[in-house]
Amino acid sequence: MAILQERAAELPARAARCADLVHAEIYGSIGPGTRAWARSRPQVTVYPDFPPESAAT
């Protein structure tokens, strides 16, 4: 799972070349590369896990 998440970290970086990131939320366990990327952007919030479905209603 961590390898997939680290590879996915490239996608927001690529999108940043085309658009401004307004807000992003990352849920679950992330690797150090993604964590460093999130820390360098104040518009990104990292949460430990998905909120329970009951919170969405």
Protein backbone atom coordinates (compact mmCIF):
# COMPACT_ATOMS: atom_id res chain seq x y z
CA MET A 1 0.00 0.00 0.00
CA ALA A 2 2.78 2.46 0.90
CA ILE A 3 4.48 1.92 -2.47
CA LEU A 4 1.26 2.76 -4.29
CA GLN A 5 0.79 5.88 -2.18
CA GLU A 6 4.34 7.03 -2.83
CA ARG A 7 3.81 6.57 -6.58
CA ALA A 8 0.54 8.49 -6.29
CA ALA A 9 2.41 11.43 -4.75
CA GLU A 10 3.59 12.28 -8.27
CA LEU A 11 0.01 12.98 -9.42
CA PRO A 12 -0.57 16.11 -7.27
CA ALA A 13 2.86 17.37 -8.29
CA ARG A 14 1.95 16.96 -11.96
CA ALA A 15 -1.42 18.63 -11.43
CA ALA A 16 0.30 21.60 -9.76
CA ARG A 17 2.00 22.37 -13.06
CA CYS A 18 -1.43 22.86 -14.66
CA ALA A 19 -3.58 24.28 -11.86
CA ASP A 20 -3.47 25.86 -8.42
CA LEU A 21 -4.17 23.53 -5.52
CA VAL A 22 -6.94 25.10 -3.46
CA HIS A 23 -7.46 22.39 -0.85
CA ALA A 24 -6.62 18.70 -0.41
CA GLU A 25 -7.34 16.13 2.30
CA ILE A 26 -5.32 12.95 2.60
CA TYR A 27 -6.69 10.11 4.72
CA GLY A 28 -4.90 7.04 6.05
CA SER A 29 -1.32 5.94 6.45
CA ILE A 30 1.11 7.79 4.17
CA GLY A 31 4.79 7.43 3.48
CA PRO A 32 7.53 9.96 4.16
CA GLY A 33 7.56 11.38 0.63
CA THR A 34 3.85 12.14 0.66
CA ARG A 35 4.09 13.49 4.22
CA ALA A 36 6.90 15.87 3.20
CA TRP A 37 4.87 17.00 0.19
CA ALA A 38 1.82 17.66 2.42
CA ARG A 39 3.86 19.54 5.04
CA SER A 40 5.22 21.89 2.40
CA ARG A 41 1.70 22.93 1.35
CA PRO A 42 -0.52 24.73 3.88
CA GLN A 43 -3.64 23.90 1.86
CA VAL A 44 -3.16 20.14 2.48
CA THR A 45 -4.54 18.44 5.59
CA VAL A 46 -3.53 14.89 6.57
CA TYR A 47 -5.90 12.76 8.65
CA PRO A 48 -5.09 9.39 10.23
CA ASP A 49 -8.02 7.57 8.59
CA PHE A 50 -11.34 8.05 6.79
CA PRO A 51 -14.06 9.64 8.93
CA PRO A 52 -16.85 7.25 9.91
CA GLU A 53 -19.81 7.23 7.54
CA SER A 54 -22.09 8.42 10.34
CA ALA A 55 -20.09 11.68 10.44
CA ALA A 56 -20.94 12.35 6.78
CA THR A 57 -24.69 12.43 7.37
